[in-house]
PDB file of N, CA and C in Angstrom:
ATOM      1  N   MET A   1     -12.401  16.302  -2.964  1.00  0.00           N
ATOM      2  CA  MET A   1     -12.344  15.756  -4.216  1.00  0.00           C
ATOM      3  C   MET A   1     -13.539  15.916  -4.879  1.00  0.00           C
ATOM      4  N   SER A   2     -13.814  16.224  -6.314  1.00  0.00           N
ATOM      5  CA  SER A   2     -14.907  16.265  -6.950  1.00  0.00           C
ATOM      6  C   SER A   2     -15.277  14.755  -7.447  1.00  0.00           C
ATOM      7  N   SER A   3     -16.510  14.451  -7.683  1.00  0.00           N
ATOM      8  CA  SER A   3     -17.065  13.559  -8.513  1.00  0.00           C
ATOM      9  C   SER A   3     -16.344  13.346  -9.863  1.00  0.00           C
ATOM     10  N   PRO A   4     -16.057  12.181 -10.454  1.00  0.00           N
ATOM     11  CA  PRO A   4     -15.678  11.934 -11.666  1.00  0.00           C
ATOM     12  C   PRO A   4     -16.822  12.321 -12.764  1.00  0.00           C
ATOM     13  N   GLN A   5     -16.380  13.298 -13.593  1.00  0.00           N
ATOM     14  CA  GLN A   5     -17.335  13.654 -14.525  1.00  0.00           C
ATOM     15  C   GLN A   5     -17.472  12.394 -15.828  1.00  0.00           C
ATOM     16  N   PRO A   6     -18.643  12.510 -16.649  1.00  0.00           N
ATOM     17  CA  PRO A   6     -19.136  11.489 -17.445  1.00  0.00           C
ATOM     18  C   PRO A   6     -17.939  11.077 -18.567  1.00  0.00           C
ATOM     19  N   GLY A   7     -17.435  12.057 -18.906  1.00  0.00           N
ATOM     20  CA  GLY A   7     -16.645  12.127 -20.070  1.00  0.00           C
ATOM     21  C   GLY A   7     -15.082  11.731 -19.296  1.00  0.00           C
ATOM     22  N   ASP A   8     -14.907  11.487 -18.232  1.00  0.00           N
ATOM     23  CA  ASP A   8     -13.264  11.627 -17.618  1.00  0.00           C
ATOM     24  C   ASP A   8     -12.964  10.080 -18.264  1.00  0.00           C
ATOM     25  N   LYS A   9     -13.832   8.997 -18.136  1.00  0.00           N
ATOM     26  CA  LYS A   9     -13.378   7.800 -18.322  1.00  0.00           C
ATOM     27  C   LYS A   9     -12.878   7.597 -20.043  1.00  0.00           C
ATOM     28  N   SER A  10     -13.919   8.188 -20.591  1.00  0.00           N
ATOM     29  CA  SER A  10     -13.619   8.202 -22.061  1.00  0.00           C
ATOM     30  C   SER A  10     -12.265   8.758 -22.482  1.00  0.00           C
ATOM     31  N   ALA A  11     -12.108   9.710 -22.027  1.00  0.00           N
ATOM     32  CA  ALA A  11     -10.806  10.693 -22.091  1.00  0.00           C
ATOM     33  C   ALA A  11      -9.587   9.950 -21.962  1.00  0.00           C
ATOM     34  N   GLY A  12      -9.892   9.370 -20.496  1.00  0.00           N
ATOM     35  CA  GLY A  12      -8.930   8.830 -20.019  1.00  0.00           C
ATOM     36  C   GLY A  12      -8.341   7.441 -21.114  1.00  0.00           C
ATOM     37  N   PHE A  13      -9.217   6.470 -21.271  1.00  0.00           N
ATOM     38  CA  PHE A  13      -9.136   5.362 -22.500  1.00  0.00           C
ATOM     39  C   PHE A  13      -8.764   5.972 -23.567  1.00  0.00           C
ATOM     40  N   THR A  14      -9.242   7.012 -23.924  1.00  0.00           N
ATOM     41  CA  THR A  14      -8.387   7.685 -25.439  1.00  0.00           C
ATOM     42  C   THR A  14      -7.064   8.203 -25.285  1.00  0.00           C
ATOM     43  N   GLY A  15      -6.855   8.770 -23.913  1.00  0.00           N
ATOM     44  CA  GLY A  15      -5.309   8.953 -23.863  1.00  0.00           C
ATOM     45  C   GLY A  15      -4.269   8.007 -23.738  1.00  0.00           C
ATOM     46  N   LEU A  16      -4.887   6.811 -22.935  1.00  0.00           N
ATOM     47  CA  LEU A  16      -3.994   5.701 -22.887  1.00  0.00           C
ATOM     48  C   LEU A  16      -3.751   5.233 -24.316  1.00  0.00           C
ATOM     49  N   ILE A  17      -4.959   4.973 -25.184  1.00  0.00           N
ATOM     50  CA  ILE A  17      -4.741   4.274 -26.561  1.00  0.00           C
ATOM     51  C   ILE A  17      -3.844   4.913 -27.239  1.00  0.00           C
ATOM     52  N   LEU A  18      -3.891   6.433 -27.339  1.00  0.00           N
ATOM     53  CA  LEU A  18      -3.154   7.205 -28.210  1.00  0.00           C
ATOM     54  C   LEU A  18      -1.725   7.184 -27.679  1.00  0.00           C
ATOM     55  N   GLY A  19      -1.501   7.153 -26.431  1.00  0.00           N
ATOM     56  CA  GLY A  19      -0.167   7.348 -25.807  1.00  0.00           C
ATOM     57  C   GLY A  19       0.435   5.942 -26.035  1.00  0.00           C
ATOM     58  N   ALA A  20      -0.015   4.581 -26.132  1.00  0.00           N
ATOM     59  CA  ALA A  20       0.651   3.603 -26.606  1.00  0.00           C
ATOM     60  C   ALA A  20       0.656   3.172 -27.821  1.00  0.00           C
ATOM     61  N   ILE A  21      -0.162   3.864 -28.729  1.00  0.00           N
ATOM     62  CA  ILE A  21       0.071   3.990 -30.299  1.00  0.00           C
ATOM     63  C   ILE A  21       1.716   5.045 -30.451  1.00  0.00           C
ATOM     64  N   ALA A  22       1.454   6.150 -29.778  1.00  0.00           N
ATOM     65  CA  ALA A  22       2.663   6.946 -30.008  1.00  0.00           C
ATOM     66  C   ALA A  22       4.117   6.346 -29.383  1.00  0.00           C
ATOM     67  N   LEU A  23       3.817   5.457 -28.248  1.00  0.00           N
ATOM     68  CA  LEU A  23       5.252   4.823 -27.906  1.00  0.00           C
ATOM     69  C   LEU A  23       5.623   3.955 -28.958  1.00  0.00           C
ATOM     70  N   PHE A  24       4.566   3.087 -29.533  1.00  0.00           N
ATOM     71  CA  PHE A  24       4.903   2.119 -30.382  1.00  0.00           C
ATOM     72  C   PHE A  24       5.681   2.744 -31.482  1.00  0.00           C
ATOM     73  N   VAL A  25       5.206   3.851 -32.104  1.00  0.00           N
ATOM     74  CA  VAL A  25       5.660   4.383 -33.349  1.00  0.00           C
ATOM     75  C   VAL A  25       7.185   4.748 -32.915  1.00  0.00           C
ATOM     76  N   ILE A  26       7.149   5.275 -31.796  1.00  0.00           N
ATOM     77  CA  ILE A  26       8.520   5.794 -31.527  1.00  0.00           C
ATOM     78  C   ILE A  26       9.564   4.820 -31.408  1.00  0.00           C
ATOM     79  N   LEU A  27       9.332   3.907 -30.995  1.00  0.00           N
ATOM     80  CA  LEU A  27       9.804   2.737 -30.575  1.00  0.00           C
ATOM     81  C   LEU A  27      10.364   1.768 -31.876  1.00  0.00           C
ATOM     82  N   PHE A  28       9.131   1.795 -32.824  1.00  0.00           N
ATOM     83  CA  PHE A  28       9.450   1.253 -34.070  1.00  0.00           C
ATOM     84  C   PHE A  28      10.285   1.633 -35.014  1.00  0.00           C
ATOM     85  N   GLY A  29      10.296   3.065 -34.998  1.00  0.00           N
ATOM     86  CA  GLY A  29      11.420   4.061 -35.635  1.00  0.00           C
ATOM     87  C   GLY A  29      12.621   4.054 -35.322  1.00  0.00           C
ATOM     88  N   ILE A  30      12.882   3.719 -34.112  1.00  0.00           N
ATOM     89  CA  ILE A  30      13.976   3.435 -33.122  1.00  0.00           C
ATOM     90  C   ILE A  30      14.743   2.406 -33.855  1.00  0.00           C
ATOM     91  N   VAL A  31      14.275   1.223 -33.801  1.00  0.00           N
ATOM     92  CA  VAL A  31      14.776   0.075 -34.084  1.00  0.00           C
ATOM     93  C   VAL A  31      14.818   0.002 -35.659  1.00  0.00           C
ATOM     94  N   ARG A  32      14.171   0.715 -36.474  1.00  0.00           N
ATOM     95  CA  ARG A  32      14.298   0.541 -37.968  1.00  0.00           C
ATOM     96  C   ARG A  32      15.597   1.374 -38.128  1.00  0.00           C
ATOM     97  N   ILE A  33      15.731   2.828 -37.337  1.00  0.00           N
ATOM     98  CA  ILE A  33      17.101   3.306 -37.771  1.00  0.00           C
ATOM     99  C   ILE A  33      18.222   2.636 -37.371  1.00  0.00           C
ATOM    100  N   THR A  34      17.974   1.962 -36.304  1.00  0.00           N
ATOM    101  CA  THR A  34      19.226   1.251 -35.890  1.00  0.00           C
ATOM    102  C   THR A  34      19.685   0.040 -36.712  1.00  0.00           C
ATOM    103  N   ASN A  35      18.568  -0.761 -37.096  1.00  0.00           N
ATOM    104  CA  ASN A  35      18.708  -1.856 -37.962  1.00  0.00           C
ATOM    105  C   ASN A  35      19.644  -1.516 -39.272  1.00  0.00           C
ATOM    106  N   ALA A  36      19.141  -0.351 -39.859  1.00  0.00           N
ATOM    107  CA  ALA A  36      19.571   0.334 -40.894  1.00  0.00           C
ATOM    108  C   ALA A  36      21.058   0.660 -40.775  1.00  0.00           C
ATOM    109  N   HIS A  37      21.417   1.094 -39.547  1.00  0.00           N
ATOM    110  CA  HIS A  37      22.786   1.560 -39.115  1.00  0.00           C
ATOM    111  C   HIS A  37      23.751   0.331 -39.370  1.00  0.00           C
ATOM    112  N   TYR A  38      23.287  -0.728 -38.580  1.00  0.00           N
ATOM    113  CA  TYR A  38      24.185  -1.870 -38.708  1.00  0.00           C
ATOM    114  C   TYR A  38      24.089  -2.471 -39.800  1.00  0.00           C
ATOM    115  N   ASN A  39      23.238  -2.696 -40.676  1.00  0.00           N
ATOM    116  CA  ASN A  39      22.954  -3.347 -41.999  1.00  0.00           C
ATOM    117  C   ASN A  39      24.011  -2.340 -42.952  1.00  0.00           C
ATOM    118  N   ALA A  40      24.162  -1.195 -42.931  1.00  0.00           N
ATOM    119  CA  ALA A  40      24.983  -0.744 -43.649  1.00  0.00           C
ATOM    120  C   ALA A  40      26.612  -0.801 -43.207  1.00  0.00           C
ATOM    121  N   GLU A  41      26.445  -0.910 -41.848  1.00  0.00           N
ATOM    122  CA  GLU A  41      28.002  -1.080 -41.298  1.00  0.00           C
ATOM    123  C   GLU A  41      28.451  -2.487 -41.853  1.00  0.00           C
ATOM    124  N   GLU A  42      27.282  -3.489 -41.975  1.00  0.00           N
ATOM    125  CA  GLU A  42      27.866  -4.789 -42.529  1.00  0.00           C
ATOM    126  C   GLU A  42      28.363  -5.039 -43.571  1.00  0.00           C
ATOM    127  N   ARG A  43      27.472  -4.426 -44.532  1.00  0.00           N
ATOM    128  CA  ARG A  43      27.725  -4.520 -45.665  1.00  0.00           C
ATOM    129  C   ARG A  43      29.084  -3.810 -46.182  1.00  0.00           C
ATOM    130  N   GLU A  44      29.512  -2.668 -45.534  1.00  0.00           N
ATOM    131  CA  GLU A  44      30.633  -1.969 -45.980  1.00  0.00           C
ATOM    132  C   GLU A  44      31.939  -3.233 -45.498  1.00  0.00           C
ATOM    133  N   GLY A  45      31.734  -3.895 -44.321  1.00  0.00           N
ATOM    134  CA  GLY A  45      32.701  -4.572 -43.941  1.00  0.00           C
ATOM    135  C   GLY A  45      33.052  -5.858 -44.583  1.00  0.00           C
ATOM    136  N   LYS A  46      32.085  -6.660 -45.403  1.00  0.00           N
ATOM    137  CA  LYS A  46      32.107  -7.760 -46.113  1.00  0.00           C
ATOM    138  C   LYS A  46      32.880  -7.766 -47.213  1.00  0.00           C
ATOM    139  N   PRO A  47      32.809  -7.068 -47.862  1.00  0.00           N
ATOM    140  CA  PRO A  47      33.750  -7.289 -49.294  1.00  0.00           C
ATOM    141  C   PRO A  47      35.033  -6.903 -49.158  1.00  0.00           C
ATOM    142  N   ALA A  48      35.355  -6.130 -47.956  1.00  0.00           N
ATOM    143  CA  ALA A  48      36.883  -6.145 -47.321  1.00  0.00           C
ATOM    144  C   ALA A  48      37.178  -7.544 -46.871  1.00  0.00           C
ATOM    145  N   ALA A  49      36.672  -8.340 -46.371  1.00  0.00           N
ATOM    146  CA  ALA A  49      37.020  -9.352 -46.063  1.00  0.00           C
ATOM    147  C   ALA A  49      37.055 -10.661 -46.851  1.00  0.00           C
ATOM    148  N   GLU A  50      36.120 -10.682 -47.702  1.00  0.00           N
ATOM    149  CA  GLU A  50      35.867 -11.255 -48.759  1.00  0.00           C
ATOM    150  C   GLU A  50      37.404 -11.285 -49.957  1.00  0.00           C
ATOM    151  N   ALA A  51      37.792 -10.247 -50.033  1.00  0.00           N
ATOM    152  CA  ALA A  51      38.642  -9.915 -50.803  1.00  0.00           C
ATOM    153  C   ALA A  51      40.043 -10.247 -50.353  1.00  0.00           C
ATOM    154  N   ALA A  52      40.065 -10.352 -49.287  1.00  0.00           N
ATOM    155  CA  ALA A  52      41.218 -10.939 -48.514  1.00  0.00           C
ATOM    156  C   ALA A  52      41.649 -12.582 -48.501  1.00  0.00           C
ATOM    157  N   LYS A  53      40.468 -12.979 -48.624  1.00  0.00           N
ATOM    158  CA  LYS A  53      40.452 -14.384 -48.835  1.00  0.00           C
ATOM    159  C   LYS A  53      41.324 -15.134 -49.824  1.00  0.00           C
TER     160      LYS A  53
END
């Protein structure tokens, strides 16, 4: 096995940070899309329930 090069640690940390940011952005997008879906579903159901009262 070869010895680590001087730039290996920097590249590794850069990849770790960029990977964490990418995962956060993807998960944040999924949560936003899911919340929008259920909020729209909830808005559709409420007027019908209130009209029946």
